[in-house]
Amino acid sequence: NKIANEVSDHPDAALQLGGRGDVLDRLEWDIRLYFALNGALHDAAIAAWGIKATYDYSRPISMIRHMGGLGQSSDLDAASFHPDGLPLEAGLIELVTSETAEVGGRHEGHTVDDVVIRSWRTFGGAAPGMPPLGVGWITPTMWMPYQQSTFVTPAFPGYVSGHSAFSRAGAEVLTAITGDPYFPNGLGEHTVAAGELEFERGPTTDITLQWATYRDAADEAGQSRIWGGIHVEADDYPGRVIGAETGQAAWQLALEVWGDAP
């Protein structure tokens, strides 16, 4: 809705239904826009949460902590083997050795033969004696998403991603109602102000995100949940597909309600 308002407020926005015909007055435009857009978002929620309830699929924090707590699943003859453990991957998931555990070693402070992962070290920098914020080697059972400590993993299944479904449904409606897949003038922007990140220092300068199309912005919204450790990749793309289908269907239904369907 925020993006839709910004698009509608843009000086170059042509408030024509589907990009054709008469220019609508702003009240009529807003009523039609909110009706179609929020109907699509509601339908996307029904579809996505129905699937969540059906598949009851795990989140990264459950997978990483559980599998890492069991051990590693790559080397039957190595320490900490468990068939359901994490797969070893150099530079990302490793076994601690006597050499790497030495002072100055990359696994310093960890126990020999334990599985460790290279990841964000969560909120440790806020507590005396804990390692500073940033990336380093941690035990999998301590892994946390890249989020605020008060906003970590939602208490419902991961598959499919609501962000992916909602965002793509909205993108389809904005594409349909404006008659154009592109933001006004072909550029949508959102600026993240310096110091705005609340759970870690940064960014040190303003960062402006840019997209050509509504679908580009929607894709990045879904991907953000992967980067933040809230979803795995398998949750994202099907969510986009569901959002696309529900968004297009909601738009067609809106046209029927208005008597504008071809």
C-alpha atoms as a PDB file:
ATOM      1  CA  ASN A   1       0.000   0.000   0.000  1.00  0.00           C
ATOM      2  CA  LYS A   2       2.892   2.367   0.715  1.00  0.00           C
ATOM      3  CA  ILE A   3       4.385   1.685  -2.702  1.00  0.00           C
ATOM      4  CA  ALA A   4       0.951   2.073  -4.316  1.00  0.00           C
ATOM      5  CA  ASN A   5       0.517   5.469  -2.652  1.00  0.00           C
ATOM      6  CA  GLU A   6       3.940   6.612  -3.814  1.00  0.00           C
ATOM      7  CA  VAL A   7       3.147   5.519  -7.356  1.00  0.00           C
ATOM      8  CA  SER A   8      -0.204   7.316  -7.283  1.00  0.00           C
ATOM      9  CA  ASP A   9       1.406  10.483  -5.902  1.00  0.00           C
ATOM     10  CA  HIS A  10       4.127  10.549  -8.554  1.00  0.00           C
ATOM     11  CA  PRO A  11       3.823  13.633 -10.779  1.00  0.00           C
ATOM     12  CA  ASP A  12       4.133  11.510 -13.913  1.00  0.00           C
ATOM     13  CA  ALA A  13       1.511   8.949 -12.873  1.00  0.00           C
ATOM     14  CA  ALA A  14      -1.362   8.661 -15.336  1.00  0.00           C
ATOM     15  CA  LEU A  15      -4.401   7.636 -13.294  1.00  0.00           C
ATOM     16  CA  GLN A  16      -6.031   5.651 -16.081  1.00  0.00           C
ATOM     17  CA  LEU A  17      -7.517   2.248 -15.381  1.00  0.00           C
ATOM     18  CA  GLY A  18      -5.170  -0.230 -17.017  1.00  0.00           C
ATOM     19  CA  GLY A  19      -3.274   2.686 -18.545  1.00  0.00           C
ATOM     20  CA  ARG A  20      -6.071   3.408 -21.015  1.00  0.00           C
ATOM     21  CA  GLY A  21      -9.162   5.558 -21.320  1.00  0.00           C
ATOM     22  CA  ASP A  22     -10.232   8.507 -19.231  1.00  0.00           C
ATOM     23  CA  VAL A  23      -8.153   9.839 -16.356  1.00  0.00           C
ATOM     24  CA  LEU A  24      -9.910   8.987 -13.095  1.00  0.00           C
ATOM     25  CA  ASP A  25     -10.328  11.494 -10.296  1.00  0.00           C
ATOM     26  CA  ARG A  26      -8.121  10.652  -7.336  1.00  0.00           C
ATOM     27  CA  LEU A  27     -10.915   9.375  -5.074  1.00  0.00           C
ATOM     28  CA  GLU A  28     -12.162   6.879  -7.651  1.00  0.00           C
ATOM     29  CA  TRP A  29      -8.611   5.822  -8.429  1.00  0.00           C
ATOM     30  CA  ASP A  30      -7.812   5.224  -4.760  1.00  0.00           C
ATOM     31  CA  ILE A  31     -11.002   3.248  -4.147  1.00  0.00           C
ATOM     32  CA  ARG A  32     -10.340   0.983  -7.115  1.00  0.00           C
ATOM     33  CA  LEU A  33      -6.655   0.632  -6.272  1.00  0.00           C
ATOM     34  CA  TYR A  34      -7.193  -0.282  -2.616  1.00  0.00           C
ATOM     35  CA  PHE A  35     -10.044  -2.646  -3.466  1.00  0.00           C
ATOM     36  CA  ALA A  36      -8.022  -4.634  -6.013  1.00  0.00           C
ATOM     37  CA  LEU A  37      -4.710  -4.455  -4.190  1.00  0.00           C
ATOM     38  CA  ASN A  38      -5.931  -5.482  -0.754  1.00  0.00           C
ATOM     39  CA  GLY A  39      -8.247  -8.105  -2.183  1.00  0.00           C
ATOM     40  CA  ALA A  40      -5.202  -9.627  -3.869  1.00  0.00           C
ATOM     41  CA  LEU A  41      -3.165  -9.472  -0.668  1.00  0.00           C
ATOM     42  CA  HIS A  42      -5.991 -11.135   1.252  1.00  0.00           C
ATOM     43  CA  ASP A  43      -6.248 -13.917  -1.330  1.00  0.00           C
ATOM     44  CA  ALA A  44      -2.478 -14.405  -1.238  1.00  0.00           C
ATOM     45  CA  ALA A  45      -2.678 -14.779   2.546  1.00  0.00           C
ATOM     46  CA  ILE A  46      -5.383 -17.424   2.273  1.00  0.00           C
ATOM     47  CA  ALA A  47      -3.356 -19.392  -0.291  1.00  0.00           C
ATOM     48  CA  ALA A  48      -0.019 -19.092   1.498  1.00  0.00           C
ATOM     49  CA  TRP A  49      -1.289 -19.849   4.996  1.00  0.00           C
ATOM     50  CA  GLY A  50      -3.332 -22.773   3.746  1.00  0.00           C
ATOM     51  CA  ILE A  51      -0.120 -24.224   2.354  1.00  0.00           C
ATOM     52  CA  LYS A  52       1.777 -23.452   5.564  1.00  0.00           C
ATOM     53  CA  ALA A  53      -0.799 -25.387   7.572  1.00  0.00           C
ATOM     54  CA  THR A  54      -0.713 -28.291   5.126  1.00  0.00           C
ATOM     55  CA  TYR A  55       3.055 -28.776   4.927  1.00  0.00           C
ATOM     56  CA  ASP A  56       4.083 -27.540   8.415  1.00  0.00           C
ATOM     57  CA  TYR A  57       7.596 -26.917   7.104  1.00  0.00           C
ATOM     58  CA  SER A  58      10.614 -25.972   9.227  1.00  0.00           C
ATOM     59  CA  ARG A  59      12.449 -22.640   9.418  1.00  0.00           C
ATOM     60  CA  PRO A  60      16.242 -22.212   9.130  1.00  0.00           C
ATOM     61  CA  ILE A  61      16.702 -21.806  12.887  1.00  0.00           C
ATOM     62  CA  SER A  62      15.075 -25.200  13.523  1.00  0.00           C
ATOM     63  CA  MET A  63      17.018 -26.937  10.749  1.00  0.00           C
ATOM     64  CA  ILE A  64      20.427 -25.452  11.561  1.00  0.00           C
ATOM     65  CA  ARG A  65      20.185 -25.909  15.322  1.00  0.00           C
ATOM     66  CA  HIS A  66      18.787 -29.441  15.140  1.00  0.00           C
ATOM     67  CA  MET A  67      21.063 -30.791  12.408  1.00  0.00           C
ATOM     68  CA  GLY A  68      24.138 -29.013  13.742  1.00  0.00           C
ATOM     69  CA  GLY A  69      23.439 -30.345  17.197  1.00  0.00           C
ATOM     70  CA  LEU A  70      23.497 -33.880  15.809  1.00  0.00           C
ATOM     71  CA  GLY A  71      26.844 -33.442  14.045  1.00  0.00           C
ATOM     72  CA  GLN A  72      28.099 -33.679  10.464  1.00  0.00           C
ATOM     73  CA  SER A  73      26.750 -35.963   7.734  1.00  0.00           C
ATOM     74  CA  SER A  74      29.567 -35.811   5.158  1.00  0.00           C
ATOM     75  CA  ASP A  75      32.315 -38.067   6.514  1.00  0.00           C
ATOM     76  CA  LEU A  76      31.369 -41.411   8.012  1.00  0.00           C
ATOM     77  CA  ASP A  77      34.865 -41.898   9.438  1.00  0.00           C
ATOM     78  CA  ALA A  78      35.297 -38.413  10.888  1.00  0.00           C
ATOM     79  CA  ALA A  79      34.275 -37.156  14.304  1.00  0.00           C
ATOM     80  CA  SER A  80      30.713 -36.126  15.157  1.00  0.00           C
ATOM     81  CA  PHE A  81      29.178 -38.129  12.312  1.00  0.00           C
ATOM     82  CA  HIS A  82      25.411 -38.408  12.218  1.00  0.00           C
ATOM     83  CA  PRO A  83      23.391 -39.241   9.087  1.00  0.00           C
ATOM     84  CA  ASP A  84      21.038 -36.343   9.783  1.00  0.00           C
ATOM     85  CA  GLY A  85      23.744 -33.821  10.640  1.00  0.00           C
ATOM     86  CA  LEU A  86      24.878 -30.797   8.645  1.00  0.00           C
ATOM     87  CA  PRO A  87      26.932 -31.434   5.485  1.00  0.00           C
ATOM     88  CA  LEU A  88      30.495 -30.171   5.753  1.00  0.00           C
ATOM     89  CA  GLU A  89      31.477 -27.352   3.406  1.00  0.00           C
ATOM     90  CA  ALA A  90      34.912 -25.723   3.564  1.00  0.00           C
ATOM     91  CA  GLY A  91      34.744 -22.171   4.818  1.00  0.00           C
ATOM     92  CA  LEU A  92      31.142 -22.519   5.960  1.00  0.00           C
ATOM     93  CA  ILE A  93      30.554 -25.727   7.955  1.00  0.00           C
ATOM     94  CA  GLU A  94      33.647 -27.379   9.385  1.00  0.00           C
ATOM     95  CA  LEU A  95      34.947 -29.746  12.043  1.00  0.00           C
ATOM     96  CA  VAL A  96      37.169 -28.263  14.728  1.00  0.00           C
ATOM     97  CA  THR A  97      40.653 -29.816  14.764  1.00  0.00           C
ATOM     98  CA  SER A  98      43.441 -29.502  17.309  1.00  0.00           C
ATOM     99  CA  GLU A  99      45.220 -27.208  14.871  1.00  0.00           C
ATOM    100  CA  THR A 100      42.284 -24.911  14.109  1.00  0.00           C
ATOM    101  CA  ALA A 101      41.371 -24.723  17.804  1.00  0.00           C
ATOM    102  CA  GLU A 102      44.782 -23.311  18.772  1.00  0.00           C
ATOM    103  CA  VAL A 103      45.201 -19.695  19.833  1.00  0.00           C
ATOM    104  CA  GLY A 104      45.052 -17.658  16.636  1.00  0.00           C
ATOM    105  CA  GLY A 105      43.385 -20.508  14.745  1.00  0.00           C
ATOM    106  CA  ARG A 106      40.144 -19.910  12.909  1.00  0.00           C
ATOM    107  CA  HIS A 107      38.216 -22.059  15.427  1.00  0.00           C
ATOM    108  CA  GLU A 108      39.906 -20.682  18.523  1.00  0.00           C
ATOM    109  CA  GLY A 109      37.763 -21.189  21.620  1.00  0.00           C
ATOM    110  CA  HIS A 110      35.813 -24.134  20.201  1.00  0.00           C
ATOM    111  CA  THR A 111      36.044 -27.793  21.228  1.00  0.00           C
ATOM    112  CA  VAL A 112      37.972 -30.236  19.056  1.00  0.00           C
ATOM    113  CA  ASP A 113      35.733 -32.505  16.935  1.00  0.00           C
ATOM    114  CA  ASP A 114      32.706 -30.197  17.257  1.00  0.00           C
ATOM    115  CA  VAL A 115      30.866 -28.928  14.185  1.00  0.00           C
ATOM    116  CA  VAL A 116      31.048 -25.152  13.759  1.00  0.00           C
ATOM    117  CA  ILE A 117      29.504 -22.824  11.199  1.00  0.00           C
ATOM    118  CA  ARG A 118      30.664 -19.464   9.853  1.00  0.00           C
ATOM    119  CA  SER A 119      27.809 -17.049  10.421  1.00  0.00           C
ATOM    120  CA  TRP A 120      26.679 -13.797  11.978  1.00  0.00           C
ATOM    121  CA  ARG A 121      27.550 -13.836  15.689  1.00  0.00           C
ATOM    122  CA  THR A 122      24.172 -12.436  16.722  1.00  0.00           C
ATOM    123  CA  PHE A 123      23.868 -10.057  19.638  1.00  0.00           C
ATOM    124  CA  GLY A 124      27.019 -11.047  21.521  1.00  0.00           C
ATOM    125  CA  GLY A 125      28.661  -7.647  21.154  1.00  0.00           C
ATOM    126  CA  ALA A 126      26.071  -6.114  23.467  1.00  0.00           C
ATOM    127  CA  ALA A 127      27.161  -8.268  26.436  1.00  0.00           C
ATOM    128  CA  PRO A 128      30.463  -7.943  28.348  1.00  0.00           C
ATOM    129  CA  GLY A 129      32.943 -10.669  27.508  1.00  0.00           C
ATOM    130  CA  MET A 130      31.098 -11.818  24.397  1.00  0.00           C
ATOM    131  CA  PRO A 131      32.599 -11.625  20.884  1.00  0.00           C
ATOM    132  CA  PRO A 132      31.891  -8.491  18.852  1.00  0.00           C
ATOM    133  CA  LEU A 133      29.123  -8.362  16.319  1.00  0.00           C
ATOM    134  CA  GLY A 134      30.035  -9.508  12.855  1.00  0.00           C
ATOM    135  CA  VAL A 135      30.743 -12.774  11.082  1.00  0.00           C
ATOM    136  CA  GLY A 136      32.729 -15.603  12.661  1.00  0.00           C
ATOM    137  CA  TRP A 137      32.672 -19.258  13.704  1.00  0.00           C
ATOM    138  CA  ILE A 138      29.900 -20.311  16.085  1.00  0.00           C
ATOM    139  CA  THR A 139      28.297 -23.545  17.254  1.00  0.00           C
ATOM    140  CA  PRO A 140      25.151 -24.323  15.222  1.00  0.00           C
ATOM    141  CA  THR A 141      22.976 -24.494  18.339  1.00  0.00           C
ATOM    142  CA  MET A 142      23.688 -20.780  18.898  1.00  0.00           C
ATOM    143  CA  TRP A 143      22.662 -19.707  15.390  1.00  0.00           C
ATOM    144  CA  MET A 144      20.166 -16.850  15.077  1.00  0.00           C
ATOM    145  CA  PRO A 145      18.570 -15.082  12.098  1.00  0.00           C
ATOM    146  CA  TYR A 146      19.977 -11.724  11.020  1.00  0.00           C
ATOM    147  CA  GLN A 147      17.245  -9.807  12.797  1.00  0.00           C
ATOM    148  CA  GLN A 148      16.507  -7.924  15.994  1.00  0.00           C
ATOM    149  CA  SER A 149      16.465 -10.104  19.108  1.00  0.00           C
ATOM    150  CA  THR A 150      12.795  -9.216  19.586  1.00  0.00           C
ATOM    151  CA  PHE A 151      11.885 -10.089  15.989  1.00  0.00           C
ATOM    152  CA  VAL A 152      13.446 -13.338  14.935  1.00  0.00           C
ATOM    153  CA  THR A 153      11.511 -16.255  13.457  1.00  0.00           C
ATOM    154  CA  PRO A 154       7.710 -16.139  13.101  1.00  0.00           C
ATOM    155  CA  ALA A 155       5.828 -18.815  15.006  1.00  0.00           C
ATOM    156  CA  PHE A 156       4.351 -20.489  11.943  1.00  0.00           C
ATOM    157  CA  PRO A 157       5.740 -22.707   9.158  1.00  0.00           C
ATOM    158  CA  GLY A 158       8.119 -21.406   6.505  1.00  0.00           C
ATOM    159  CA  TYR A 159       6.743 -22.916   3.290  1.00  0.00           C
ATOM    160  CA  VAL A 160       5.667 -20.847   1.450  1.00  0.00           C
ATOM    161  CA  SER A 161       7.016 -17.356   2.093  1.00  0.00           C
ATOM    162  CA  GLY A 162       4.303 -14.828   2.861  1.00  0.00           C
ATOM    163  CA  HIS A 163       6.652 -12.001   1.838  1.00  0.00           C
ATOM    164  CA  SER A 164       7.074 -13.587  -1.584  1.00  0.00           C
ATOM    165  CA  ALA A 165       3.357 -14.206  -2.070  1.00  0.00           C
ATOM    166  CA  PHE A 166       2.150 -10.835  -0.774  1.00  0.00           C
ATOM    167  CA  SER A 167       4.739  -8.831  -2.675  1.00  0.00           C
ATOM    168  CA  ARG A 168       4.176 -10.540  -6.006  1.00  0.00           C
ATOM    169  CA  ALA A 169       0.394 -10.294  -5.684  1.00  0.00           C
ATOM    170  CA  GLY A 170       0.761  -6.563  -5.088  1.00  0.00           C
ATOM    171  CA  ALA A 171       3.146  -6.227  -8.014  1.00  0.00           C
ATOM    172  CA  GLU A 172       0.640  -7.896 -10.341  1.00  0.00           C
ATOM    173  CA  VAL A 173      -2.149  -5.515  -9.321  1.00  0.00           C
ATOM    174  CA  LEU A 174       0.068  -2.432  -9.689  1.00  0.00           C
ATOM    175  CA  THR A 175       1.165  -3.677 -13.107  1.00  0.00           C
ATOM    176  CA  ALA A 176      -2.450  -4.238 -14.160  1.00  0.00           C
ATOM    177  CA  ILE A 177      -4.016  -1.056 -12.815  1.00  0.00           C
ATOM    178  CA  THR A 178      -1.314   1.205 -14.244  1.00  0.00           C
ATOM    179  CA  GLY A 179      -1.050  -0.772 -17.480  1.00  0.00           C
ATOM    180  CA  ASP A 180       2.721  -0.741 -17.113  1.00  0.00           C
ATOM    181  CA  PRO A 181       5.129  -3.171 -15.385  1.00  0.00           C
ATOM    182  CA  TYR A 182       7.524  -0.291 -14.705  1.00  0.00           C
ATOM    183  CA  PHE A 183       7.582   2.244 -11.912  1.00  0.00           C
ATOM    184  CA  PRO A 184       6.854   5.802 -13.102  1.00  0.00           C
ATOM    185  CA  ASN A 185       9.837   6.892 -15.223  1.00  0.00           C
ATOM    186  CA  GLY A 186      11.104   3.304 -14.972  1.00  0.00           C
ATOM    187  CA  LEU A 187      12.645   3.730 -11.532  1.00  0.00           C
ATOM    188  CA  GLY A 188      11.417   2.888  -8.039  1.00  0.00           C
ATOM    189  CA  GLU A 189      13.618   3.788  -5.078  1.00  0.00           C
ATOM    190  CA  HIS A 190      13.827   3.275  -1.328  1.00  0.00           C
ATOM    191  CA  THR A 191      16.587   4.832   0.756  1.00  0.00           C
ATOM    192  CA  VAL A 192      17.920   3.178   3.911  1.00  0.00           C
ATOM    193  CA  ALA A 193      19.332   5.969   6.050  1.00  0.00           C
ATOM    194  CA  ALA A 194      22.769   5.717   7.647  1.00  0.00           C
ATOM    195  CA  GLY A 195      22.571   4.106  11.068  1.00  0.00           C
ATOM    196  CA  GLU A 196      19.032   2.821  10.501  1.00  0.00           C
ATOM    197  CA  LEU A 197      19.927  -0.823  11.132  1.00  0.00           C
ATOM    198  CA  GLU A 198      18.670  -1.365  14.678  1.00  0.00           C
ATOM    199  CA  PHE A 199      20.419  -4.592  15.649  1.00  0.00           C
ATOM    200  CA  GLU A 200      23.919  -3.885  14.360  1.00  0.00           C
ATOM    201  CA  ARG A 201      25.996  -0.872  13.396  1.00  0.00           C
ATOM    202  CA  GLY A 202      25.402   0.262   9.855  1.00  0.00           C
ATOM    203  CA  PRO A 203      25.029   1.249   7.195  1.00  0.00           C
ATOM    204  CA  THR A 204      27.561   4.044   7.593  1.00  0.00           C
ATOM    205  CA  THR A 205      26.158   5.936   4.602  1.00  0.00           C
ATOM    206  CA  ASP A 206      22.718   6.166   3.022  1.00  0.00           C
ATOM    207  CA  ILE A 207      21.954   3.240   0.708  1.00  0.00           C
ATOM    208  CA  THR A 208      19.336   3.568  -2.024  1.00  0.00           C
ATOM    209  CA  LEU A 209      17.661   0.436  -3.366  1.00  0.00           C
ATOM    210  CA  GLN A 210      16.394   0.717  -6.935  1.00  0.00           C
ATOM    211  CA  TRP A 211      14.080  -1.344  -9.113  1.00  0.00           C
ATOM    212  CA  ALA A 212      12.817  -0.992 -12.667  1.00  0.00           C
ATOM    213  CA  THR A 213       9.584  -2.942 -12.245  1.00  0.00           C
ATOM    214  CA  TYR A 214       7.121  -3.768  -9.511  1.00  0.00           C
ATOM    215  CA  ARG A 215       8.054  -7.419  -9.946  1.00  0.00           C
ATOM    216  CA  ASP A 216      11.734  -6.596  -9.360  1.00  0.00           C
ATOM    217  CA  ALA A 217      10.829  -4.990  -6.039  1.00  0.00           C
ATOM    218  CA  ALA A 218       8.618  -7.941  -5.136  1.00  0.00           C
ATOM    219  CA  ASP A 219      11.381 -10.436  -5.920  1.00  0.00           C
ATOM    220  CA  GLU A 220      13.819  -8.582  -3.680  1.00  0.00           C
ATOM    221  CA  ALA A 221      11.273  -8.469  -0.850  1.00  0.00           C
ATOM    222  CA  GLY A 222      10.998 -12.251  -0.978  1.00  0.00           C
ATOM    223  CA  GLN A 223      14.760 -12.712  -1.220  1.00  0.00           C
ATOM    224  CA  SER A 224      15.279 -10.489   1.818  1.00  0.00           C
ATOM    225  CA  ARG A 225      13.779 -13.210   3.977  1.00  0.00           C
ATOM    226  CA  ILE A 226      16.404 -15.665   2.727  1.00  0.00           C
ATOM    227  CA  TRP A 227      19.217 -13.201   3.415  1.00  0.00           C
ATOM    228  CA  GLY A 228      17.783 -12.522   6.872  1.00  0.00           C
ATOM    229  CA  GLY A 229      17.676 -16.223   7.767  1.00  0.00           C
ATOM    230  CA  ILE A 230      13.881 -16.400   8.042  1.00  0.00           C
ATOM    231  CA  HIS A 231      13.318 -18.596   4.983  1.00  0.00           C
ATOM    232  CA  VAL A 232      15.184 -21.056   2.782  1.00  0.00           C
ATOM    233  CA  GLU A 233      15.194 -20.732  -1.006  1.00  0.00           C
ATOM    234  CA  ALA A 234      12.510 -23.403  -1.407  1.00  0.00           C
ATOM    235  CA  ASP A 235      10.028 -21.070   0.318  1.00  0.00           C
ATOM    236  CA  ASP A 236      10.592 -18.116  -2.002  1.00  0.00           C
ATOM    237  CA  TYR A 237       9.904 -19.045  -5.615  1.00  0.00           C
ATOM    238  CA  PRO A 238       6.669 -21.008  -5.055  1.00  0.00           C
ATOM    239  CA  GLY A 239       5.473 -18.041  -2.995  1.00  0.00           C
ATOM    240  CA  ARG A 240       6.110 -15.784  -5.984  1.00  0.00           C
ATOM    241  CA  VAL A 241       4.150 -18.113  -8.251  1.00  0.00           C
ATOM    242  CA  ILE A 242       1.216 -18.157  -5.833  1.00  0.00           C
ATOM    243  CA  GLY A 243       1.338 -14.376  -5.537  1.00  0.00           C
ATOM    244  CA  ALA A 244       1.379 -13.950  -9.304  1.00  0.00           C
ATOM    245  CA  GLU A 245      -1.626 -16.225  -9.798  1.00  0.00           C
ATOM    246  CA  THR A 246      -3.694 -14.713  -6.981  1.00  0.00           C
ATOM    247  CA  GLY A 247      -2.801 -11.165  -8.005  1.00  0.00           C
ATOM    248  CA  GLN A 248      -3.903 -11.712 -11.585  1.00  0.00           C
ATOM    249  CA  ALA A 249      -7.068 -13.517 -10.516  1.00  0.00           C
ATOM    250  CA  ALA A 250      -7.958 -10.773  -8.025  1.00  0.00           C
ATOM    251  CA  TRP A 251      -7.528  -8.129 -10.711  1.00  0.00           C
ATOM    252  CA  GLN A 252      -9.872  -9.974 -13.060  1.00  0.00           C
ATOM    253  CA  LEU A 253     -12.439 -10.320 -10.291  1.00  0.00           C
ATOM    254  CA  ALA A 254     -12.162  -6.607  -9.532  1.00  0.00           C
ATOM    255  CA  LEU A 255     -12.861  -5.803 -13.192  1.00  0.00           C
ATOM    256  CA  GLU A 256     -15.960  -8.025 -13.058  1.00  0.00           C
ATOM    257  CA  VAL A 257     -17.189  -6.295  -9.906  1.00  0.00           C
ATOM    258  CA  TRP A 258     -16.748  -2.897 -11.562  1.00  0.00           C
ATOM    259  CA  GLY A 259     -18.353  -4.059 -14.801  1.00  0.00           C
ATOM    260  CA  ASP A 260     -15.136  -3.354 -16.696  1.00  0.00           C
ATOM    261  CA  ALA A 261     -14.191  -6.908 -17.628  1.00  0.00           C
ATOM    262  CA  PRO A 262     -13.628  -7.399 -21.384  1.00  0.00           C
END
